N, C-alpha and C. Protein backbone atom coordinates (compact mmCIF):
# COMPACT_ATOMS: atom_id res chain seq x y z
N MET A 1 63.40 52.94 7.40
CA MET A 1 64.40 53.76 6.74
C MET A 1 64.33 53.58 5.23
N LYS A 2 64.10 52.36 4.77
CA LYS A 2 64.00 52.12 3.35
C LYS A 2 62.80 52.85 2.76
N PHE A 3 61.73 53.00 3.56
CA PHE A 3 60.53 53.69 3.09
C PHE A 3 60.82 55.14 2.73
N THR A 4 61.63 55.81 3.54
CA THR A 4 61.94 57.22 3.28
C THR A 4 62.74 57.37 1.98
N ILE A 5 63.56 56.42 1.68
CA ILE A 5 64.33 56.48 0.44
C ILE A 5 63.44 56.13 -0.75
N ALA A 6 62.57 55.16 -0.55
CA ALA A 6 61.71 54.70 -1.64
C ALA A 6 60.65 55.74 -2.00
N LEU A 7 60.13 56.47 -1.03
CA LEU A 7 59.06 57.43 -1.28
C LEU A 7 59.48 58.54 -2.24
N PRO A 8 60.64 59.21 -2.02
CA PRO A 8 61.04 60.23 -3.00
C PRO A 8 61.25 59.65 -4.40
N GLY A 9 61.80 58.45 -4.47
CA GLY A 9 62.00 57.82 -5.76
C GLY A 9 60.66 57.52 -6.45
N ALA A 10 59.70 57.06 -5.67
CA ALA A 10 58.37 56.78 -6.22
C ALA A 10 57.70 58.07 -6.68
N LEU A 11 57.87 59.13 -5.91
CA LEU A 11 57.29 60.41 -6.30
C LEU A 11 57.94 60.94 -7.57
N LEU A 12 59.23 60.78 -7.68
CA LEU A 12 59.93 61.21 -8.89
C LEU A 12 59.45 60.41 -10.09
N LEU A 13 59.30 59.12 -9.90
CA LEU A 13 58.82 58.27 -10.97
C LEU A 13 57.38 58.63 -11.35
N ALA A 14 56.53 58.85 -10.35
CA ALA A 14 55.13 59.20 -10.61
C ALA A 14 55.02 60.55 -11.29
N SER A 15 55.92 61.47 -11.00
CA SER A 15 55.83 62.79 -11.62
C SER A 15 56.03 62.72 -13.13
N GLY A 16 56.67 61.68 -13.60
CA GLY A 16 56.83 61.50 -15.03
C GLY A 16 55.53 61.17 -15.73
N PHE A 17 54.51 60.74 -14.96
CA PHE A 17 53.23 60.39 -15.54
C PHE A 17 52.24 61.55 -15.51
N LEU A 18 52.61 62.67 -14.93
CA LEU A 18 51.72 63.83 -14.89
C LEU A 18 51.62 64.45 -16.27
N PRO A 19 50.44 64.88 -16.64
CA PRO A 19 50.32 65.53 -17.95
C PRO A 19 51.13 66.82 -17.98
N VAL A 20 51.72 67.08 -19.13
CA VAL A 20 52.55 68.27 -19.29
C VAL A 20 51.72 69.53 -19.05
N SER A 21 50.45 69.51 -19.41
CA SER A 21 49.60 70.70 -19.25
C SER A 21 49.45 71.11 -17.79
N SER A 22 49.62 70.17 -16.84
CA SER A 22 49.46 70.53 -15.44
C SER A 22 50.57 71.46 -14.96
N PHE A 23 51.70 71.48 -15.64
CA PHE A 23 52.78 72.37 -15.23
C PHE A 23 52.50 73.81 -15.64
N GLY A 24 51.59 74.01 -16.57
CA GLY A 24 51.29 75.36 -17.03
C GLY A 24 50.09 75.98 -16.33
N GLN A 25 49.55 75.31 -15.31
CA GLN A 25 48.38 75.83 -14.62
C GLN A 25 48.75 77.03 -13.77
N ALA A 26 47.73 77.86 -13.55
CA ALA A 26 47.94 79.03 -12.70
C ALA A 26 48.24 78.58 -11.28
N THR A 27 49.09 79.32 -10.60
CA THR A 27 49.39 78.99 -9.21
C THR A 27 48.75 79.99 -8.27
N ALA A 28 48.51 81.21 -8.72
CA ALA A 28 47.90 82.22 -7.86
C ALA A 28 46.39 82.04 -7.85
N ASP A 29 45.79 82.36 -6.70
CA ASP A 29 44.34 82.28 -6.58
C ASP A 29 43.69 83.29 -7.52
N ASN A 30 42.60 82.90 -8.11
CA ASN A 30 41.88 83.76 -9.03
C ASN A 30 40.77 84.48 -8.25
N PRO A 31 40.83 85.81 -8.16
CA PRO A 31 39.82 86.54 -7.39
C PRO A 31 38.41 86.42 -7.96
N SER A 32 38.28 86.18 -9.26
CA SER A 32 36.93 86.05 -9.82
C SER A 32 36.27 84.75 -9.36
N VAL A 33 37.06 83.72 -9.09
CA VAL A 33 36.51 82.48 -8.54
C VAL A 33 35.93 82.76 -7.17
N THR A 34 36.70 83.48 -6.36
CA THR A 34 36.22 83.83 -5.02
C THR A 34 34.97 84.69 -5.09
N ALA A 35 34.94 85.63 -6.02
CA ALA A 35 33.76 86.50 -6.17
C ALA A 35 32.53 85.69 -6.56
N GLN A 36 32.70 84.72 -7.46
CA GLN A 36 31.56 83.89 -7.85
C GLN A 36 31.09 83.01 -6.70
N LEU A 37 32.02 82.54 -5.89
CA LEU A 37 31.63 81.75 -4.72
C LEU A 37 30.87 82.61 -3.72
N GLU A 38 31.34 83.82 -3.52
CA GLU A 38 30.64 84.75 -2.62
C GLU A 38 29.23 85.03 -3.13
N ALA A 39 29.09 85.18 -4.45
CA ALA A 39 27.78 85.45 -5.05
C ALA A 39 26.84 84.26 -4.89
N ALA A 40 27.39 83.06 -4.83
CA ALA A 40 26.56 81.85 -4.71
C ALA A 40 26.06 81.64 -3.28
N LYS A 41 26.75 82.19 -2.30
CA LYS A 41 26.39 81.93 -0.90
C LYS A 41 24.94 82.26 -0.56
N PRO A 42 24.42 83.46 -0.92
CA PRO A 42 23.03 83.74 -0.55
C PRO A 42 22.03 82.83 -1.29
N LEU A 43 22.35 82.45 -2.50
CA LEU A 43 21.49 81.56 -3.26
C LEU A 43 21.45 80.18 -2.61
N VAL A 44 22.60 79.69 -2.20
CA VAL A 44 22.68 78.40 -1.52
C VAL A 44 21.91 78.46 -0.20
N ALA A 45 22.04 79.57 0.52
CA ALA A 45 21.31 79.72 1.79
C ALA A 45 19.79 79.69 1.55
N LYS A 46 19.36 80.31 0.48
CA LYS A 46 17.92 80.32 0.13
C LYS A 46 17.45 78.91 -0.22
N ILE A 47 18.24 78.20 -1.02
CA ILE A 47 17.88 76.82 -1.38
C ILE A 47 17.84 75.95 -0.14
N LYS A 48 18.80 76.14 0.75
CA LYS A 48 18.85 75.34 1.98
C LYS A 48 17.61 75.59 2.83
N LYS A 49 17.21 76.84 2.95
CA LYS A 49 16.00 77.17 3.73
C LYS A 49 14.78 76.48 3.12
N ASP A 50 14.63 76.60 1.80
CA ASP A 50 13.49 75.99 1.13
C ASP A 50 13.55 74.46 1.19
N ALA A 51 14.73 73.89 1.04
CA ALA A 51 14.87 72.43 1.10
C ALA A 51 14.53 71.91 2.50
N SER A 52 14.94 72.64 3.53
CA SER A 52 14.59 72.25 4.90
C SER A 52 13.08 72.32 5.12
N GLU A 53 12.47 73.38 4.56
CA GLU A 53 11.02 73.51 4.64
C GLU A 53 10.34 72.33 3.95
N MET A 54 10.83 71.97 2.76
CA MET A 54 10.27 70.83 2.03
C MET A 54 10.43 69.54 2.82
N GLN A 55 11.57 69.38 3.45
CA GLN A 55 11.79 68.15 4.22
C GLN A 55 10.79 68.08 5.36
N SER A 56 10.47 69.21 5.97
CA SER A 56 9.48 69.20 7.05
C SER A 56 8.09 68.85 6.52
N TYR A 57 7.79 69.18 5.27
CA TYR A 57 6.51 68.80 4.67
C TYR A 57 6.34 67.28 4.65
N SER A 58 7.44 66.58 4.46
CA SER A 58 7.34 65.13 4.34
C SER A 58 7.09 64.46 5.69
N LEU A 59 7.23 65.21 6.76
CA LEU A 59 7.02 64.65 8.09
C LEU A 59 5.55 64.67 8.49
N VAL A 60 4.78 65.48 7.82
CA VAL A 60 3.35 65.58 8.12
C VAL A 60 2.57 65.44 6.81
N SER A 61 1.30 65.17 6.93
CA SER A 61 0.51 65.03 5.71
C SER A 61 -0.29 66.29 5.41
N GLY A 62 0.04 67.41 6.04
CA GLY A 62 -0.71 68.65 5.91
C GLY A 62 -0.66 69.35 4.57
N PRO A 63 0.52 69.78 4.08
CA PRO A 63 0.56 70.59 2.86
C PRO A 63 0.03 69.84 1.64
N SER A 64 -0.65 70.56 0.80
CA SER A 64 -1.23 69.97 -0.41
C SER A 64 -0.15 69.73 -1.47
N TRP A 65 -0.56 68.99 -2.49
CA TRP A 65 0.31 68.75 -3.63
C TRP A 65 0.74 70.08 -4.24
N ASN A 66 -0.17 71.04 -4.31
CA ASN A 66 0.12 72.35 -4.90
C ASN A 66 1.21 73.09 -4.12
N THR A 67 1.16 72.98 -2.80
CA THR A 67 2.19 73.60 -1.96
C THR A 67 3.55 72.97 -2.24
N HIS A 68 3.56 71.64 -2.31
CA HIS A 68 4.80 70.93 -2.64
C HIS A 68 5.32 71.38 -4.01
N ALA A 69 4.43 71.39 -4.99
CA ALA A 69 4.83 71.75 -6.35
C ALA A 69 5.37 73.17 -6.43
N ALA A 70 4.70 74.11 -5.75
CA ALA A 70 5.14 75.51 -5.78
C ALA A 70 6.52 75.66 -5.14
N THR A 71 6.74 74.99 -4.02
CA THR A 71 8.03 75.10 -3.35
C THR A 71 9.12 74.42 -4.17
N LEU A 72 8.83 73.26 -4.73
CA LEU A 72 9.81 72.59 -5.58
C LEU A 72 10.16 73.42 -6.81
N THR A 73 9.18 74.09 -7.38
CA THR A 73 9.44 74.95 -8.54
C THR A 73 10.36 76.10 -8.14
N ARG A 74 10.11 76.68 -6.99
CA ARG A 74 10.95 77.78 -6.49
C ARG A 74 12.39 77.28 -6.29
N ILE A 75 12.52 76.11 -5.69
CA ILE A 75 13.86 75.56 -5.47
C ILE A 75 14.53 75.24 -6.81
N LYS A 76 13.77 74.65 -7.72
CA LYS A 76 14.33 74.30 -9.02
C LYS A 76 14.84 75.55 -9.74
N ASP A 77 14.09 76.65 -9.68
CA ASP A 77 14.54 77.89 -10.30
C ASP A 77 15.86 78.36 -9.69
N ASP A 78 15.96 78.25 -8.37
CA ASP A 78 17.20 78.65 -7.69
C ASP A 78 18.36 77.71 -8.01
N VAL A 79 18.07 76.42 -8.12
CA VAL A 79 19.11 75.45 -8.49
C VAL A 79 19.59 75.74 -9.91
N ASN A 80 18.69 76.12 -10.79
CA ASN A 80 19.09 76.50 -12.15
C ASN A 80 20.01 77.72 -12.13
N LYS A 81 19.72 78.70 -11.30
CA LYS A 81 20.60 79.87 -11.16
C LYS A 81 21.96 79.44 -10.60
N LEU A 82 21.92 78.52 -9.66
CA LEU A 82 23.17 78.01 -9.09
C LEU A 82 23.99 77.28 -10.14
N GLN A 83 23.33 76.55 -11.03
CA GLN A 83 24.05 75.88 -12.11
C GLN A 83 24.67 76.90 -13.07
N GLU A 84 24.01 78.01 -13.29
CA GLU A 84 24.61 79.08 -14.11
C GLU A 84 25.88 79.58 -13.45
N ASN A 85 25.81 79.78 -12.14
CA ASN A 85 26.99 80.22 -11.39
C ASN A 85 28.11 79.19 -11.51
N THR A 86 27.74 77.92 -11.44
CA THR A 86 28.74 76.84 -11.54
C THR A 86 29.37 76.83 -12.92
N ARG A 87 28.59 77.10 -13.96
CA ARG A 87 29.16 77.19 -15.31
C ARG A 87 30.16 78.35 -15.38
N GLY A 88 29.86 79.44 -14.68
CA GLY A 88 30.81 80.55 -14.60
C GLY A 88 32.09 80.15 -13.91
N LEU A 89 31.95 79.37 -12.83
CA LEU A 89 33.14 78.86 -12.14
C LEU A 89 33.95 77.97 -13.08
N GLN A 90 33.26 77.10 -13.79
CA GLN A 90 33.94 76.21 -14.73
C GLN A 90 34.70 76.99 -15.81
N SER A 91 34.12 78.11 -16.25
CA SER A 91 34.80 78.90 -17.29
C SER A 91 36.08 79.55 -16.77
N HIS A 92 36.22 79.68 -15.47
CA HIS A 92 37.44 80.24 -14.88
C HIS A 92 38.39 79.16 -14.36
N ARG A 93 38.01 77.91 -14.53
CA ARG A 93 38.78 76.81 -13.96
C ARG A 93 40.22 76.79 -14.46
N THR A 94 40.42 77.04 -15.75
CA THR A 94 41.78 76.94 -16.32
C THR A 94 42.72 78.04 -15.82
N VAL A 95 42.17 79.12 -15.30
CA VAL A 95 43.01 80.21 -14.79
C VAL A 95 42.95 80.29 -13.27
N ALA A 96 42.37 79.28 -12.65
CA ALA A 96 42.31 79.22 -11.19
C ALA A 96 43.54 78.49 -10.66
N SER A 97 43.82 78.70 -9.39
CA SER A 97 44.92 77.97 -8.77
C SER A 97 44.53 76.49 -8.66
N PRO A 98 45.51 75.61 -8.52
CA PRO A 98 45.18 74.18 -8.45
C PRO A 98 44.18 73.83 -7.34
N TRP A 99 44.33 74.42 -6.18
CA TRP A 99 43.40 74.09 -5.10
C TRP A 99 42.01 74.65 -5.41
N GLN A 100 41.93 75.80 -6.11
CA GLN A 100 40.63 76.33 -6.52
C GLN A 100 39.99 75.41 -7.57
N GLN A 101 40.81 74.85 -8.46
CA GLN A 101 40.29 73.92 -9.46
C GLN A 101 39.64 72.71 -8.78
N ASP A 102 40.31 72.19 -7.76
CA ASP A 102 39.74 71.06 -7.02
C ASP A 102 38.42 71.45 -6.36
N ALA A 103 38.37 72.64 -5.78
CA ALA A 103 37.14 73.11 -5.15
C ALA A 103 36.02 73.28 -6.18
N ILE A 104 36.36 73.82 -7.34
CA ILE A 104 35.37 73.99 -8.41
C ILE A 104 34.81 72.62 -8.81
N ASP A 105 35.67 71.62 -8.91
CA ASP A 105 35.22 70.27 -9.27
C ASP A 105 34.26 69.72 -8.21
N ARG A 106 34.59 69.90 -6.93
CA ARG A 106 33.72 69.40 -5.86
C ARG A 106 32.38 70.14 -5.85
N ILE A 107 32.42 71.45 -6.02
CA ILE A 107 31.21 72.26 -6.02
C ILE A 107 30.33 71.92 -7.22
N THR A 108 30.96 71.72 -8.36
CA THR A 108 30.21 71.34 -9.57
C THR A 108 29.53 69.99 -9.37
N ALA A 109 30.24 69.03 -8.81
CA ALA A 109 29.67 67.70 -8.58
C ALA A 109 28.47 67.78 -7.63
N LEU A 110 28.60 68.54 -6.55
CA LEU A 110 27.50 68.68 -5.60
C LEU A 110 26.30 69.38 -6.24
N THR A 111 26.57 70.41 -7.03
CA THR A 111 25.49 71.14 -7.71
C THR A 111 24.77 70.23 -8.69
N ASN A 112 25.52 69.44 -9.44
CA ASN A 112 24.91 68.50 -10.38
C ASN A 112 24.08 67.44 -9.66
N ASP A 113 24.60 66.93 -8.55
CA ASP A 113 23.85 65.95 -7.77
C ASP A 113 22.56 66.56 -7.23
N LEU A 114 22.63 67.80 -6.78
CA LEU A 114 21.44 68.48 -6.28
C LEU A 114 20.41 68.64 -7.38
N ALA A 115 20.84 69.06 -8.57
CA ALA A 115 19.91 69.23 -9.69
C ALA A 115 19.27 67.90 -10.08
N THR A 116 20.06 66.85 -10.13
CA THR A 116 19.53 65.52 -10.47
C THR A 116 18.51 65.06 -9.44
N ASN A 117 18.83 65.24 -8.19
CA ASN A 117 17.91 64.82 -7.12
C ASN A 117 16.64 65.66 -7.13
N MET A 118 16.78 66.97 -7.41
CA MET A 118 15.59 67.83 -7.53
C MET A 118 14.68 67.34 -8.64
N ASN A 119 15.25 67.00 -9.77
CA ASN A 119 14.45 66.49 -10.88
C ASN A 119 13.74 65.20 -10.50
N SER A 120 14.41 64.34 -9.74
CA SER A 120 13.79 63.09 -9.29
C SER A 120 12.62 63.38 -8.36
N ALA A 121 12.79 64.34 -7.47
CA ALA A 121 11.69 64.72 -6.55
C ALA A 121 10.50 65.27 -7.33
N ILE A 122 10.78 66.12 -8.30
CA ILE A 122 9.71 66.71 -9.12
C ILE A 122 9.00 65.62 -9.93
N ASP A 123 9.76 64.74 -10.54
CA ASP A 123 9.16 63.64 -11.31
C ASP A 123 8.26 62.78 -10.42
N HIS A 124 8.77 62.44 -9.24
CA HIS A 124 7.98 61.61 -8.33
C HIS A 124 6.69 62.33 -7.92
N LEU A 125 6.81 63.62 -7.61
CA LEU A 125 5.63 64.39 -7.21
C LEU A 125 4.61 64.45 -8.34
N ASN A 126 5.08 64.66 -9.56
CA ASN A 126 4.17 64.73 -10.70
C ASN A 126 3.44 63.41 -10.94
N LYS A 127 4.06 62.30 -10.61
CA LYS A 127 3.45 60.98 -10.80
C LYS A 127 2.57 60.56 -9.61
N ASN A 128 2.71 61.25 -8.49
CA ASN A 128 1.99 60.87 -7.27
C ASN A 128 1.29 62.07 -6.66
N LYS A 129 0.48 62.72 -7.42
CA LYS A 129 -0.17 63.97 -6.98
C LYS A 129 -1.08 63.78 -5.78
N THR A 130 -1.65 62.62 -5.64
CA THR A 130 -2.57 62.43 -4.51
C THR A 130 -1.84 62.10 -3.22
N ARG A 131 -0.59 61.63 -3.33
CA ARG A 131 0.16 61.27 -2.12
C ARG A 131 1.56 61.85 -2.18
N PRO A 132 1.70 63.15 -1.90
CA PRO A 132 3.03 63.76 -2.02
C PRO A 132 4.02 63.34 -0.93
N SER A 133 3.59 62.49 -0.02
CA SER A 133 4.53 62.07 1.02
C SER A 133 4.87 60.58 0.93
N SER A 134 4.49 59.91 -0.18
CA SER A 134 4.80 58.48 -0.31
C SER A 134 6.27 58.28 -0.69
N ALA A 135 6.78 57.14 -0.31
CA ALA A 135 8.18 56.81 -0.60
C ALA A 135 8.39 56.73 -2.11
N PRO A 136 9.54 57.09 -2.59
CA PRO A 136 10.76 57.58 -1.96
C PRO A 136 10.83 59.11 -1.86
N TYR A 137 9.70 59.80 -2.04
CA TYR A 137 9.68 61.26 -2.04
C TYR A 137 10.33 61.86 -0.79
N PRO A 138 10.00 61.40 0.44
CA PRO A 138 10.66 61.99 1.61
C PRO A 138 12.18 61.85 1.57
N GLU A 139 12.66 60.76 0.98
CA GLU A 139 14.11 60.56 0.88
C GLU A 139 14.73 61.57 -0.10
N TYR A 140 14.02 61.87 -1.19
CA TYR A 140 14.50 62.90 -2.12
C TYR A 140 14.63 64.24 -1.40
N LEU A 141 13.63 64.56 -0.60
CA LEU A 141 13.65 65.84 0.12
C LEU A 141 14.78 65.88 1.14
N LYS A 142 14.99 64.78 1.83
CA LYS A 142 16.08 64.68 2.80
C LYS A 142 17.43 64.81 2.10
N THR A 143 17.56 64.17 0.95
CA THR A 143 18.81 64.23 0.18
C THR A 143 19.06 65.65 -0.33
N ASN A 144 18.00 66.34 -0.77
CA ASN A 144 18.17 67.74 -1.19
C ASN A 144 18.76 68.57 -0.07
N THR A 145 18.23 68.41 1.12
CA THR A 145 18.73 69.17 2.28
C THR A 145 20.18 68.81 2.56
N ARG A 146 20.49 67.52 2.52
CA ARG A 146 21.86 67.08 2.79
C ARG A 146 22.82 67.63 1.74
N LEU A 147 22.44 67.57 0.46
CA LEU A 147 23.31 68.04 -0.61
C LEU A 147 23.54 69.55 -0.55
N VAL A 148 22.49 70.31 -0.33
CA VAL A 148 22.65 71.77 -0.30
C VAL A 148 23.43 72.19 0.95
N THR A 149 23.30 71.44 2.04
CA THR A 149 24.10 71.72 3.23
C THR A 149 25.58 71.46 2.94
N ALA A 150 25.87 70.33 2.30
CA ALA A 150 27.26 70.02 1.94
C ALA A 150 27.80 71.06 0.97
N LEU A 151 26.98 71.50 0.04
CA LEU A 151 27.39 72.51 -0.94
C LEU A 151 27.72 73.83 -0.23
N GLY A 152 26.85 74.25 0.67
CA GLY A 152 27.12 75.48 1.43
C GLY A 152 28.39 75.37 2.25
N ASP A 153 28.59 74.21 2.87
CA ASP A 153 29.81 73.99 3.66
C ASP A 153 31.05 74.04 2.76
N GLU A 154 30.95 73.44 1.59
CA GLU A 154 32.10 73.42 0.66
C GLU A 154 32.43 74.83 0.19
N ILE A 155 31.42 75.59 -0.16
CA ILE A 155 31.65 76.96 -0.62
C ILE A 155 32.26 77.79 0.51
N GLY A 156 31.69 77.68 1.70
CA GLY A 156 32.23 78.42 2.85
C GLY A 156 33.66 78.04 3.16
N ALA A 157 33.96 76.75 3.14
CA ALA A 157 35.32 76.29 3.43
C ALA A 157 36.30 76.76 2.35
N THR A 158 35.85 76.79 1.11
CA THR A 158 36.72 77.25 0.02
C THR A 158 37.04 78.73 0.19
N ILE A 159 36.04 79.52 0.51
CA ILE A 159 36.27 80.96 0.72
C ILE A 159 37.20 81.17 1.90
N GLU A 160 36.95 80.46 3.00
CA GLU A 160 37.81 80.58 4.19
C GLU A 160 39.24 80.15 3.89
N ALA A 161 39.39 79.08 3.13
CA ALA A 161 40.74 78.62 2.78
C ALA A 161 41.47 79.67 1.95
N GLY A 162 40.77 80.29 1.02
CA GLY A 162 41.37 81.35 0.22
C GLY A 162 41.81 82.52 1.06
N GLU A 163 40.96 82.89 2.01
CA GLU A 163 41.32 84.00 2.91
C GLU A 163 42.53 83.64 3.76
N ALA A 164 42.57 82.40 4.25
CA ALA A 164 43.71 81.96 5.07
C ALA A 164 44.99 81.92 4.25
N ARG A 165 44.89 81.46 3.01
CA ARG A 165 46.08 81.42 2.13
C ARG A 165 46.57 82.83 1.84
N ALA A 166 45.65 83.76 1.59
CA ALA A 166 46.04 85.15 1.31
C ALA A 166 46.72 85.77 2.53
N LYS A 167 46.17 85.49 3.69
CA LYS A 167 46.75 86.02 4.93
C LYS A 167 48.14 85.43 5.16
N GLU A 168 48.28 84.12 4.93
CA GLU A 168 49.58 83.47 5.09
C GLU A 168 50.60 84.06 4.12
N GLU A 169 50.21 84.28 2.87
CA GLU A 169 51.13 84.86 1.89
C GLU A 169 51.54 86.27 2.29
N ALA A 170 50.58 87.06 2.80
CA ALA A 170 50.88 88.42 3.23
C ALA A 170 51.86 88.42 4.40
N LEU A 171 51.64 87.51 5.35
CA LEU A 171 52.54 87.43 6.51
C LEU A 171 53.93 86.95 6.09
N THR A 172 53.98 85.99 5.18
CA THR A 172 55.26 85.49 4.69
C THR A 172 56.02 86.61 3.99
N LYS A 173 55.33 87.37 3.17
CA LYS A 173 55.96 88.50 2.47
C LYS A 173 56.47 89.53 3.47
N GLN A 174 55.64 89.78 4.49
CA GLN A 174 56.02 90.76 5.51
C GLN A 174 57.29 90.27 6.25
N LEU A 175 57.36 88.98 6.56
CA LEU A 175 58.53 88.42 7.22
C LEU A 175 59.76 88.49 6.29
N ASP A 176 59.54 88.16 5.02
CA ASP A 176 60.65 88.23 4.07
C ASP A 176 61.15 89.64 3.91
N ASP A 177 60.25 90.61 3.84
CA ASP A 177 60.65 92.02 3.70
C ASP A 177 61.37 92.52 4.95
N SER A 178 60.96 92.06 6.12
CA SER A 178 61.59 92.54 7.34
C SER A 178 62.97 91.89 7.56
N GLY A 179 63.19 90.75 6.91
CA GLY A 179 64.48 90.07 7.03
C GLY A 179 65.56 90.63 6.13
N LYS A 180 65.20 91.53 5.24
CA LYS A 180 66.17 92.09 4.28
C LYS A 180 66.98 93.20 4.87
């Protein structure tokens, strides 16, 4: 019983430490954030396909260094496009709803991790042209696949959450209007 009394008091006390700027944030979902996420989906799917292909290369010693390099270059170009999209998301962050801001932060972090890991894979390949499957290269490829899968899942979940929130708001409005 004491916990229930203490929790609201703690929350009230903690709210005094929130930055004043957080009270001025947008509360409505920003449709341009959703549009940019929708635009990123096919690019993420393409990167995921290529990353999975690259991961399969590490399981066999068949493909040449040139094949690895060409595929990594293709993925790197797509990751660069994805980073441009992420910069667009970041530019809309201040006018996005709080939950969209959190999603933008998660998506940005995953995109940055993917770019960093891609660069590590490329660097390793450039230093080991005769053995494109030596360690830690296969781990870089596996991590690329894992990161782009998580990124795709995050983008999909964010879009679905936005759709669910919009539907909930529409139903709530409809209920409120019918109660008048």
